[in-house]
């Protein structure tokens, strides 16, 4: 079996239990396979880049596909070609997590026909050249074991793609985005003139959120009616999050587990460790540090 052979090949450099978990095989099955192998079978010694590739793949729990894996290997000094890396992944039986669509998802954007909505200022606004110039926000749904949904609101910085504030709740009430925004303000302390962009959901056109923006001296911007592309920057991260955090139709046990997992993923992984292709395969933290300290 290819996966068992791969585990045996890398057993000296990575724990068997962790490899079995990432590759979705049982440790007992692996050891049974070892006993069935011919005694004369000799495993070739892996190359240094293969050992590094296995470590990166396992460390990121299968979230890195060929391109992102290759980018990380290049950062570590291994110049591995695409075809060679792709062939190694295939021969090793390794496949990165893939996006799967959810059935009957709830609607997270419900406009208030009576609300006075701001114009789409983001369309003509200069691109962000520093942190805290433009924030984009959106809401998504997450499955719970109860058959219900949890709702996640995030605010992202357009310059670094960093998630600057987030909150998860079992309700789509306006407090969902207010809490996430207040957390972002408390951490980042943006200067007056921050452009805040979102879709036309009733939460973003509410009096409570409009008042909060005024107190923060921020400028409101909303997508045009029925045009999801106006908020593409905010929505682009949802597919990644669900693929990497809830793969293959998985779900959270309850709201508390969702909060713990999201804190680990967003604050300690997505912002500080995950390479982003839109950032030239840097992390959001690296982008902001390069800006703050004028690094090359």
Protein backbone atom coordinates (compact mmCIF):
# COMPACT_ATOMS: atom_id res chain seq x y z
CA UNK A 1 0.00 0.00 0.00
CA UNK A 2 1.52 3.32 -1.07
CA UNK A 3 0.66 5.20 2.13
CA UNK A 4 2.13 2.51 4.39
CA UNK A 5 5.26 2.40 2.24
CA UNK A 6 5.57 6.16 2.54
CA UNK A 7 5.23 6.02 6.34
CA UNK A 8 7.91 3.34 6.53
CA UNK A 9 10.18 5.42 4.32
CA UNK A 10 9.92 8.42 6.65
CA UNK A 11 9.57 6.68 10.01
CA UNK A 12 13.07 7.71 11.01
CA UNK A 13 12.38 11.43 10.56
CA UNK A 14 8.69 11.77 11.52
CA UNK A 15 6.52 10.00 14.15
CA UNK A 16 4.47 7.12 12.77
CA UNK A 17 1.35 8.17 14.69
CA UNK A 18 1.35 11.67 13.18
CA UNK A 19 1.92 10.34 9.66
CA UNK A 20 -0.98 7.89 10.08
CA UNK A 21 -3.26 10.68 11.27
CA UNK A 22 -2.44 12.96 8.33
CA UNK A 23 -2.72 10.16 5.78
CA UNK A 24 -6.00 8.87 7.28
CA UNK A 25 -4.76 5.35 7.98
CA UNK A 26 -4.66 3.40 11.23
CA UNK A 27 -1.43 2.80 13.09
CA UNK A 28 -2.49 -0.81 13.74
CA UNK A 29 -3.00 -1.33 10.01
CA UNK A 30 0.45 0.08 9.32
CA UNK A 31 2.16 -2.24 11.81
CA UNK A 32 0.22 -5.22 10.47
CA UNK A 33 1.43 -4.30 6.98
CA UNK A 34 5.01 -4.14 8.25
CA UNK A 35 4.74 -7.71 9.55
CA UNK A 36 3.41 -8.95 6.20
CA UNK A 37 6.23 -7.45 4.13
CA UNK A 38 9.01 -9.70 2.81
CA UNK A 39 12.00 -9.65 5.15
CA UNK A 40 14.35 -8.78 2.30
CA UNK A 41 12.53 -5.57 1.43
CA UNK A 42 14.90 -2.63 1.79
CA UNK A 43 13.60 0.95 1.80
CA UNK A 44 15.70 3.51 -0.09
CA UNK A 45 17.12 6.38 1.91
CA UNK A 46 15.01 9.51 1.26
CA UNK A 47 16.65 12.60 -0.17
CA UNK A 48 16.99 15.68 2.02
CA UNK A 49 14.28 17.59 0.12
CA UNK A 50 11.91 14.64 0.47
CA UNK A 51 12.40 14.59 4.22
CA UNK A 52 11.74 18.34 4.31
CA UNK A 53 8.67 17.98 2.07
CA UNK A 54 7.21 15.29 4.33
CA UNK A 55 7.82 17.48 7.39
CA UNK A 56 6.13 20.49 5.79
CA UNK A 57 3.18 18.44 4.54
CA UNK A 58 2.66 16.89 7.98
CA UNK A 59 3.21 20.11 9.91
CA UNK A 60 0.50 21.85 7.86
CA UNK A 61 -1.84 18.86 8.21
CA UNK A 62 -2.23 18.31 4.46
CA UNK A 63 -3.26 21.92 3.81
CA UNK A 64 -0.36 22.60 1.42
CA UNK A 65 -0.75 21.51 -2.18
CA UNK A 66 2.07 21.28 -4.72
CA UNK A 67 2.50 25.03 -5.31
CA UNK A 68 2.49 26.13 -1.67
CA UNK A 69 4.63 23.16 -0.65
CA UNK A 70 7.17 24.03 -3.33
CA UNK A 71 7.23 27.66 -2.18
CA UNK A 72 8.01 26.60 1.40
CA UNK A 73 10.76 24.22 0.23
CA UNK A 74 12.36 27.04 -1.77
CA UNK A 75 12.33 29.20 1.37
CA UNK A 76 14.28 26.42 3.09
CA UNK A 77 16.84 26.17 0.29
CA UNK A 78 15.49 23.19 -1.68
CA UNK A 79 15.16 24.00 -5.40
CA UNK A 80 12.70 21.28 -6.41
CA UNK A 81 10.96 21.40 -9.78
CA UNK A 82 7.19 21.23 -10.09
CA UNK A 83 7.09 17.95 -11.99
CA UNK A 84 9.50 16.28 -9.61
CA UNK A 85 7.54 17.39 -6.57
CA UNK A 86 4.23 16.44 -8.17
CA UNK A 87 5.59 12.99 -9.01
CA UNK A 88 6.83 12.52 -5.43
CA UNK A 89 3.44 13.50 -4.00
CA UNK A 90 1.69 11.06 -6.31
CA UNK A 91 4.11 8.21 -5.60
CA UNK A 92 3.79 8.84 -1.87
CA UNK A 93 0.00 8.78 -1.99
CA UNK A 94 -0.21 12.32 -0.58
CA UNK A 95 -3.12 14.55 -1.56
CA UNK A 96 -3.79 18.01 -0.18
CA UNK A 97 -7.20 18.86 1.20
CA UNK A 98 -9.66 19.86 -1.52
CA UNK A 99 -12.70 22.12 -1.51
CA UNK A 100 -16.08 20.40 -1.24
CA UNK A 101 -19.37 22.20 -1.58
CA UNK A 102 -21.90 22.14 1.26
CA UNK A 103 -25.55 21.24 0.75
CA UNK A 104 -28.35 23.62 1.60
CA UNK A 105 -26.19 26.36 3.10
CA UNK A 106 -27.96 29.11 5.03
CA UNK A 107 -28.14 32.63 3.68
CA UNK A 108 -25.79 35.00 5.49
CA UNK A 109 -26.60 38.10 3.40
CA UNK A 110 -30.10 39.43 3.82
CA UNK A 111 -30.53 43.05 2.81
CA UNK A 112 -32.81 45.49 4.60
CA UNK A 113 -34.88 47.19 1.86
CA UNK A 114 -35.54 50.16 4.15
CA UNK A 115 -31.87 50.86 4.93
CA UNK A 116 -29.87 53.66 3.37
CA UNK A 117 -26.76 51.92 2.02
CA UNK A 118 -23.40 53.54 1.36
CA UNK A 119 -21.92 53.54 -2.14
CA UNK A 120 -19.23 51.14 -3.27
CA UNK A 121 -16.24 53.40 -2.57
CA UNK A 122 -13.82 50.50 -2.70
CA UNK A 123 -14.16 50.31 -6.50
CA UNK A 124 -12.47 53.70 -6.96
CA UNK A 125 -10.39 53.78 -3.76
CA UNK A 126 -6.57 53.64 -4.06
CA UNK A 127 -5.12 50.22 -3.30
CA UNK A 128 -3.87 49.80 0.23
CA UNK A 129 -0.17 50.57 0.62
CA UNK A 130 0.00 50.06 4.39
CA UNK A 131 -1.90 48.26 7.16
CA UNK A 132 -5.14 49.77 8.50
CA UNK A 133 -6.08 51.67 5.36
CA UNK A 134 -8.79 49.28 4.12
CA UNK A 135 -10.66 46.57 6.00
CA UNK A 136 -13.09 44.20 4.33
CA UNK A 137 -15.70 42.15 6.16
CA UNK A 138 -18.01 39.25 5.56
CA UNK A 139 -19.97 36.47 7.31
CA UNK A 140 -19.94 32.74 6.63
CA UNK A 141 -21.58 29.64 8.12
CA UNK A 142 -19.98 26.64 9.85
CA UNK A 143 -21.63 23.28 10.48
CA UNK A 144 -22.27 22.00 14.02
CA UNK A 145 -22.85 18.41 15.13
CA UNK A 146 -26.38 19.36 16.25
CA UNK A 147 -27.39 19.98 12.64
CA UNK A 148 -27.49 23.72 13.29
CA UNK A 149 -25.08 26.38 12.10
CA UNK A 150 -22.56 28.72 13.67
CA UNK A 151 -21.80 32.04 11.98
CA UNK A 152 -18.34 33.56 11.66
CA UNK A 153 -17.73 37.26 11.02
CA UNK A 154 -14.24 38.38 10.02
CA UNK A 155 -12.51 41.64 9.22
CA UNK A 156 -9.43 41.42 7.01
CA UNK A 157 -6.78 43.99 6.27
CA UNK A 158 -6.60 44.53 2.49
CA UNK A 159 -2.85 45.24 2.61
CA UNK A 160 -1.60 42.16 4.44
CA UNK A 161 -4.70 39.88 4.25
CA UNK A 162 -4.42 39.52 8.03
CA UNK A 163 -7.61 38.69 9.92
CA UNK A 164 -7.65 41.64 12.30
CA UNK A 165 -10.86 40.75 14.13
CA UNK A 166 -13.36 37.91 14.22
CA UNK A 167 -16.29 36.56 16.22
CA UNK A 168 -18.39 33.39 16.01
CA UNK A 169 -21.97 33.02 17.21
CA UNK A 170 -25.06 30.87 16.73
CA UNK A 171 -26.96 33.99 15.65
CA UNK A 172 -26.77 36.34 12.67
CA UNK A 173 -27.66 39.28 14.90
CA UNK A 174 -25.82 42.55 14.30
CA UNK A 175 -23.80 41.93 17.49
CA UNK A 176 -21.86 39.35 15.46
CA UNK A 177 -20.12 41.96 13.30
CA UNK A 178 -20.03 44.60 16.04
CA UNK A 179 -18.03 42.33 18.33
CA UNK A 180 -15.62 41.36 15.55
CA UNK A 181 -15.13 44.99 14.56
CA UNK A 182 -14.59 46.19 18.14
CA UNK A 183 -11.95 43.50 18.63
CA UNK A 184 -10.16 44.62 15.47
CA UNK A 185 -10.22 48.27 16.58
CA UNK A 186 -8.91 47.38 20.04
CA UNK A 187 -5.97 45.46 18.57
CA UNK A 188 -5.08 47.63 15.56
CA UNK A 189 -6.21 51.11 16.67
CA UNK A 190 -6.73 52.32 13.07
CA UNK A 191 -6.34 56.03 12.29
CA UNK A 192 -9.28 58.17 11.10
CA UNK A 193 -10.17 57.61 7.46
CA UNK A 194 -10.11 53.81 7.50
CA UNK A 195 -12.24 52.48 4.62
CA UNK A 196 -14.53 49.68 5.83
CA UNK A 197 -16.09 47.60 3.05
CA UNK A 198 -18.72 44.84 3.26
CA UNK A 199 -21.77 43.52 1.42
CA UNK A 200 -25.30 44.92 1.79
CA UNK A 201 -26.39 42.55 4.53
CA UNK A 202 -28.71 44.11 7.09
CA UNK A 203 -26.00 43.86 9.75
CA UNK A 204 -23.73 46.23 7.81
CA UNK A 205 -26.48 48.74 7.02
CA UNK A 206 -27.83 48.78 10.59
CA UNK A 207 -27.93 51.93 12.66
CA UNK A 208 -25.77 50.27 15.32
CA UNK A 209 -22.93 49.55 12.87
CA UNK A 210 -23.22 52.93 11.18
CA UNK A 211 -22.89 54.61 14.57
CA UNK A 212 -19.86 52.48 15.40
CA UNK A 213 -18.15 53.52 12.16
CA UNK A 214 -18.85 57.17 12.94
CA UNK A 215 -17.34 56.86 16.42
CA UNK A 216 -14.28 55.20 14.88
CA UNK A 217 -14.08 57.94 12.20
CA UNK A 218 -14.15 55.21 9.56
CA UNK A 219 -15.66 55.48 6.07
CA UNK A 220 -18.37 53.04 5.02
CA UNK A 221 -18.37 51.26 1.66
CA UNK A 222 -20.87 48.62 0.54
CA UNK A 223 -21.08 46.30 -2.45
CA UNK A 224 -23.57 46.97 -5.20
CA UNK A 225 -26.85 45.04 -4.96
CA UNK A 226 -26.50 41.43 -6.06
CA UNK A 227 -22.81 41.74 -6.98
CA UNK A 228 -20.63 39.37 -4.91
CA UNK A 229 -17.52 40.31 -6.88
CA UNK A 230 -17.50 43.71 -5.16
CA UNK A 231 -16.54 41.94 -1.94
CA UNK A 232 -14.34 39.23 -3.45
CA UNK A 233 -11.37 40.01 -1.19
CA UNK A 234 -13.40 39.29 1.94
CA UNK A 235 -15.09 36.20 0.52
CA UNK A 236 -11.95 34.64 -0.96
CA UNK A 237 -10.75 33.35 2.39
CA UNK A 238 -13.86 31.33 3.22
CA UNK A 239 -13.17 28.47 0.84
CA UNK A 240 -9.64 28.17 2.21
CA UNK A 241 -10.82 28.22 5.81
CA UNK A 242 -13.50 25.58 5.33
CA UNK A 243 -11.26 23.34 3.27
CA UNK A 244 -8.45 23.43 5.81
CA UNK A 245 -10.46 23.54 9.03
CA UNK A 246 -13.55 21.46 8.16
CA UNK A 247 -12.46 19.14 5.35
CA UNK A 248 -14.73 16.61 3.65
CA UNK A 249 -17.98 17.58 5.31
CA UNK A 250 -16.62 17.69 8.88
CA UNK A 251 -18.28 19.78 11.57
CA UNK A 252 -17.66 21.26 15.02
CA UNK A 253 -19.08 19.49 18.06
CA UNK A 254 -20.48 22.73 19.45
CA UNK A 255 -19.94 26.48 19.54
CA UNK A 256 -17.18 26.24 22.15
CA UNK A 257 -15.16 23.85 20.00
CA UNK A 258 -15.66 26.17 17.04
CA UNK A 259 -14.24 29.09 19.02
CA UNK A 260 -11.21 27.13 20.16
CA UNK A 261 -10.45 25.75 16.69
CA UNK A 262 -10.93 29.13 15.02
CA UNK A 263 -8.64 30.83 17.53
CA UNK A 264 -5.91 28.31 16.80
CA UNK A 265 -6.40 28.48 13.04
CA UNK A 266 -6.91 32.22 12.50
CA UNK A 267 -4.68 33.73 15.17
CA UNK A 268 -1.87 31.19 15.36
CA UNK A 269 -1.80 29.67 11.89
CA UNK A 270 -3.50 31.67 9.13
CA UNK A 271 -2.04 35.05 10.19
CA UNK A 272 1.44 33.93 11.18
CA UNK A 273 2.39 30.65 9.47
CA UNK A 274 0.36 30.03 6.32
CA UNK A 275 1.94 31.15 3.05
CA UNK A 276 -0.45 33.20 0.88
CA UNK A 277 -0.06 33.03 -2.88
CA UNK A 278 -1.56 36.53 -3.24
CA UNK A 279 1.26 37.83 -1.01
CA UNK A 280 4.05 36.24 -3.03
CA UNK A 281 4.02 33.23 -0.70
CA UNK A 282 4.61 35.26 2.43
CA UNK A 283 2.53 35.24 5.60
CA UNK A 284 0.40 38.25 6.63
CA UNK A 285 2.69 38.76 9.61
CA UNK A 286 5.77 38.87 7.37
CA UNK A 287 4.14 41.43 5.09
CA UNK A 288 3.35 43.74 7.99
CA UNK A 289 6.80 43.31 9.55
CA UNK A 290 8.46 44.09 6.21
CA UNK A 291 6.41 47.26 6.00
CA UNK A 292 7.01 48.37 9.60
CA UNK A 293 10.76 47.79 9.54
CA UNK A 294 11.42 48.57 5.87
CA UNK A 295 12.74 45.07 5.20
CA UNK A 296 13.49 43.95 1.63
